[in-house]
Protein backbone atom coordinates (compact mmCIF):
# COMPACT_ATOMS: atom_id res chain seq x y z
CA MET A 1 0.10 -0.23 0.17
CA LYS A 2 1.50 3.32 -1.00
CA SER A 3 2.81 5.23 2.09
CA ASN A 4 0.71 8.45 1.66
CA LEU A 5 -2.39 6.52 1.38
CA LEU A 6 -1.77 4.51 4.47
CA LEU A 7 -0.77 8.00 6.25
CA ALA A 8 -3.93 9.99 5.13
CA THR A 9 -6.18 7.01 6.48
CA ILE A 10 -4.85 7.21 9.46
CA VAL A 11 -4.70 10.98 10.03
CA GLY A 12 -7.95 11.07 8.13
CA ALA A 13 -9.32 8.75 10.89
CA VAL A 14 -8.02 10.50 14.14
CA VAL A 15 -9.33 13.84 12.70
CA SER A 16 -12.55 12.61 11.72
CA PHE A 17 -13.30 10.68 15.04
CA LEU A 18 -12.38 14.16 17.07
CA LEU A 19 -14.03 16.27 14.69
CA GLY A 20 -16.91 13.89 14.94
CA TRP A 21 -16.87 13.86 18.83
CA LEU A 22 -16.85 17.56 19.17
CA LEU A 23 -19.59 18.25 16.61
CA TRP A 24 -22.07 15.43 17.32
CA GLY A 25 -21.03 14.23 20.60
CA TYR A 26 -20.41 17.77 22.21
CA LEU A 27 -21.57 21.04 20.51
CA MET A 28 -24.72 19.35 18.62
CA MET A 29 -25.87 16.63 20.95
CA ASP A 30 -28.71 18.23 22.77
CA TYR A 31 -29.92 19.62 19.47
CA PHE A 32 -30.35 15.89 17.96
CA ASN A 33 -31.35 14.41 21.06
CA ALA A 34 -34.49 17.00 20.92
CA ASN A 35 -34.59 16.27 17.17
CA MET A 36 -34.67 13.06 17.16
CA GLY A 37 -37.59 10.42 17.20
CA GLU A 38 -38.91 8.76 20.44
CA THR A 39 -38.15 5.29 19.10
CA TYR A 40 -34.64 6.07 17.67
CA VAL A 41 -33.92 7.68 21.25
CA LEU A 42 -34.43 4.64 22.78
CA LEU A 43 -32.27 2.49 20.29
CA GLN A 44 -29.32 4.37 21.10
CA LYS A 45 -26.46 2.76 23.10
CA ASN A 46 -25.50 4.42 26.20
CA PRO A 47 -22.82 4.24 26.35
CA PRO A 48 -21.79 3.78 22.56
CA GLU A 49 -19.00 1.37 21.54
CA ILE A 50 -16.27 4.14 20.77
CA TRP A 51 -14.15 1.31 19.32
CA MET A 52 -16.38 1.07 16.12
CA ILE A 53 -17.04 4.43 16.10
CA PHE A 54 -13.43 4.71 15.07
CA VAL A 55 -13.60 2.01 12.83
CA ALA A 56 -16.44 3.47 11.08
CA GLN A 57 -13.91 6.57 10.88
CA VAL A 58 -10.81 4.72 9.58
CA LEU A 59 -13.34 3.42 6.51
CA PHE A 60 -14.54 6.82 5.65
CA ALA A 61 -11.10 8.39 5.74
CA PHE A 62 -9.78 5.27 3.56
CA LEU A 63 -12.72 6.03 0.91
CA LEU A 64 -11.54 9.48 0.69
CA ALA A 65 -7.96 8.51 0.32
CA TYR A 66 -8.66 5.83 -2.04
CA ILE A 67 -10.64 8.22 -4.38
CA PHE A 68 -8.47 10.93 -4.18
CA ASP A 69 -5.23 8.49 -5.08
CA ARG A 70 -7.33 7.45 -8.08
CA THR A 71 -8.37 10.89 -8.82
CA GLY A 72 -4.70 12.50 -8.46
CA THR A 73 -6.41 15.00 -5.82
CA ASN A 74 -3.41 15.95 -3.88
CA ASN A 75 -4.05 19.68 -2.26
CA PHE A 76 -5.89 20.91 0.34
CA MET A 77 -8.20 22.87 -1.93
CA ASP A 78 -8.83 20.00 -4.12
CA GLY A 79 -9.48 17.91 -1.10
CA LEU A 80 -11.95 20.28 0.59
CA LYS A 81 -14.17 20.33 -2.52
CA MET A 82 -14.07 16.61 -3.13
CA GLY A 83 -14.70 15.70 0.58
CA ALA A 84 -17.65 18.26 0.68
CA LEU A 85 -19.30 16.74 -2.51
CA ILE A 86 -18.70 13.13 -1.30
CA PHE A 87 -19.66 13.27 2.33
CA PHE A 88 -22.70 15.49 0.78
CA LEU A 89 -23.93 12.41 -1.54
CA ILE A 90 -23.19 10.01 1.01
CA SER A 91 -25.01 11.81 3.93
CA ALA A 92 -27.59 13.18 1.95
CA GLY A 93 -28.81 9.92 0.13
CA PHE A 94 -28.57 7.98 3.67
CA ASP A 95 -30.25 10.59 5.37
CA VAL A 96 -33.32 11.34 3.04
CA MET A 97 -33.64 7.27 2.93
CA LEU A 98 -33.32 6.88 6.52
CA HIS A 99 -36.37 9.58 6.85
CA ALA A 100 -38.31 7.78 4.12
CA THR A 101 -37.90 4.70 5.80
CA VAL A 102 -37.48 4.90 9.89
CA ASP A 103 -38.57 6.98 12.40
CA VAL A 104 -35.17 8.85 13.04
CA PHE A 105 -35.90 12.54 12.74
CA LYS A 106 -38.49 14.67 13.85
CA SER A 107 -38.59 17.54 11.33
CA HIS A 108 -36.79 18.20 7.89
CA THR A 109 -34.91 20.89 9.66
CA ALA A 110 -32.62 18.20 11.21
CA ILE A 111 -31.98 16.26 8.58
CA ILE A 112 -30.47 19.48 6.79
CA VAL A 113 -28.61 20.17 10.12
CA ASP A 114 -27.14 16.66 9.73
CA ILE A 115 -26.03 16.88 6.00
CA LEU A 116 -24.61 20.00 6.24
CA MET A 117 -22.40 19.05 9.24
CA ASN A 118 -21.43 16.08 7.54
CA VAL A 119 -20.50 18.41 4.58
CA PHE A 120 -18.63 20.45 6.82
CA MET A 121 -16.81 17.52 8.45
CA GLY A 122 -16.06 15.93 5.18
CA ALA A 123 -14.79 19.28 3.67
CA ILE A 124 -12.51 19.49 6.72
CA ILE A 125 -11.10 15.65 6.34
CA GLY A 126 -10.94 15.82 2.58
CA GLY A 127 -8.80 18.74 3.07
CA ILE A 128 -6.44 17.38 5.06
CA ILE A 129 -6.15 13.92 3.15
CA GLY A 130 -6.02 15.92 0.11
CA GLN A 131 -3.08 17.62 1.68
CA LEU A 132 -1.34 14.43 2.87
CA MET A 133 -1.78 12.86 -0.48
CA GLY A 134 -0.04 15.39 -2.22
CA ARG A 135 3.02 14.91 0.09
CA GLY A 136 6.28 14.50 -1.45
CA LYS A 137 5.00 15.62 -4.72
CA GLN A 138 5.33 19.41 -3.97
CA GLN A 139 9.36 18.60 -3.66
CA GLY A 140 9.34 16.10 -7.13
CA ALA A 141 9.38 13.06 -5.58
């Protein structure tokens, strides 16, 4: 495996994990708890399985790093744009399907907020992964 791909995946996963904790687990936790359907709130694990959350972040980071490797995305701005687009498509598709089939969100506003947060997170992670994917290329390596 390419060293840039591995490094970008690891760093992207750590940043994603910490940013997710900050956004969903701290800053917006009360908002989402207040805007979730009653059944969904009862289904939440307390406490959540933190190691599985980290595994999910590794998979998302690898997805971005792999796509960036295949498309030649190798700087912060291109990574930011691609990360935002990819996370928009994933989160919008997932949230809309979830809303259509399961009583998760109480309002469409909560869906929009979740999608916007995912886009923001995807942009930051994408920018970092994009920068790391370009590591060494600027020096001519």
